[in-house]
Amino acid sequence: MAGEVQALTGLLPSASAVAGFVLAFLAGAACPTYYAQERLRGFGRALIDRLPYVPPPGMDEQQALEAAAESAEEQTEETP
């Protein structure tokens, strides 16, 4: 039982990291709504940016990125 707890505590972030995240979140949430939304979107983009990109089967990376950009443009055109 004690070994399992020690193994789990090694996976958890430090208290200072959690406190920093909570402080940053509250500071962003205390701002006007639109500004806070933009900050949270930026935070999400920063996290997603760290993930490795793997193109769909049969496409190279450049083709997949162009298709994704075209899809995003079509979605923004459809949104009123």
Protein backbone atom coordinates (compact mmCIF):
# COMPACT_ATOMS: atom_id res chain seq x y z
CA MET A 1 0.00 0.00 0.00
CA ALA A 2 2.76 2.47 0.93
CA GLY A 3 4.65 1.64 -2.26
CA GLU A 4 1.58 2.42 -4.35
CA VAL A 5 1.14 5.80 -2.65
CA GLN A 6 4.79 6.67 -3.23
CA ALA A 7 4.47 5.69 -6.90
CA LEU A 8 1.41 7.90 -7.30
CA THR A 9 3.00 10.90 -5.59
CA GLY A 10 5.83 10.74 -8.11
CA LEU A 11 3.30 11.30 -10.90
CA LEU A 12 1.63 14.32 -9.33
CA PRO A 13 2.85 17.85 -10.08
CA SER A 14 4.49 19.85 -7.33
CA ALA A 15 2.38 22.08 -5.09
CA SER A 16 4.07 25.20 -6.45
CA ALA A 17 3.20 24.21 -10.04
CA VAL A 18 -0.45 23.65 -9.11
CA ALA A 19 -0.53 26.96 -7.20
CA GLY A 20 0.94 28.78 -10.19
CA PHE A 21 -1.61 27.25 -12.53
CA VAL A 22 -4.52 28.13 -10.22
CA LEU A 23 -3.21 31.68 -9.79
CA ALA A 24 -2.85 32.15 -13.54
CA PHE A 25 -6.31 30.73 -14.14
CA LEU A 26 -7.94 32.98 -11.55
CA ALA A 27 -6.10 36.04 -12.85
CA GLY A 28 -7.33 35.29 -16.37
CA ALA A 29 -10.86 34.56 -15.20
CA ALA A 30 -11.00 37.83 -13.23
CA CYS A 31 -10.44 39.78 -16.47
CA PRO A 32 -13.27 40.77 -18.83
CA THR A 33 -14.92 37.72 -20.38
CA TYR A 34 -13.60 38.10 -23.92
CA TYR A 35 -10.04 38.68 -22.71
CA ALA A 36 -10.23 35.65 -20.40
CA GLN A 37 -11.55 33.48 -23.22
CA GLU A 38 -8.67 34.52 -25.45
CA ARG A 39 -6.16 33.75 -22.66
CA LEU A 40 -7.67 30.29 -22.12
CA ARG A 41 -7.65 29.60 -25.85
CA GLY A 42 -4.00 30.61 -25.97
CA PHE A 43 -3.25 28.32 -23.05
CA GLY A 44 -4.98 25.46 -24.85
CA ARG A 45 -3.04 26.18 -28.03
CA ALA A 46 0.22 26.15 -26.07
CA LEU A 47 -0.63 22.74 -24.61
CA ILE A 48 -1.79 21.27 -27.92
CA ASP A 49 1.29 22.66 -29.66
CA ARG A 50 3.46 20.31 -27.59
CA LEU A 51 1.75 17.22 -29.00
CA PRO A 52 3.54 15.59 -31.95
CA TYR A 53 1.67 15.84 -35.26
CA VAL A 54 1.05 12.66 -37.22
CA PRO A 55 -0.62 13.13 -40.62
CA PRO A 56 -3.45 10.80 -41.66
CA PRO A 57 -2.41 7.64 -43.56
CA GLY A 58 -1.68 8.30 -47.22
CA MET A 59 -0.87 12.01 -46.77
CA ASP A 60 2.44 13.65 -46.15
CA GLU A 61 2.72 16.34 -43.48
CA GLN A 62 2.54 19.31 -45.90
CA GLN A 63 -0.63 18.01 -47.60
CA ALA A 64 -2.30 17.35 -44.27
CA LEU A 65 -1.50 20.84 -42.97
CA GLU A 66 -2.86 22.44 -46.17
CA ALA A 67 -6.07 20.38 -45.91
CA ALA A 68 -6.48 21.39 -42.27
CA ALA A 69 -5.99 25.07 -43.15
CA GLU A 70 -8.57 24.84 -45.95
CA SER A 71 -11.03 23.13 -43.62
CA ALA A 72 -10.56 25.86 -41.01
CA GLU A 73 -11.16 28.56 -43.65
CA GLU A 74 -14.38 26.85 -44.76
CA GLN A 75 -15.61 26.65 -41.17
CA THR A 76 -14.96 30.35 -40.56
CA GLU A 77 -16.77 31.28 -43.76
CA GLU A 78 -19.85 29.28 -42.68
CA THR A 79 -19.97 30.91 -39.24
CA PRO A 80 -22.14 34.06 -39.27
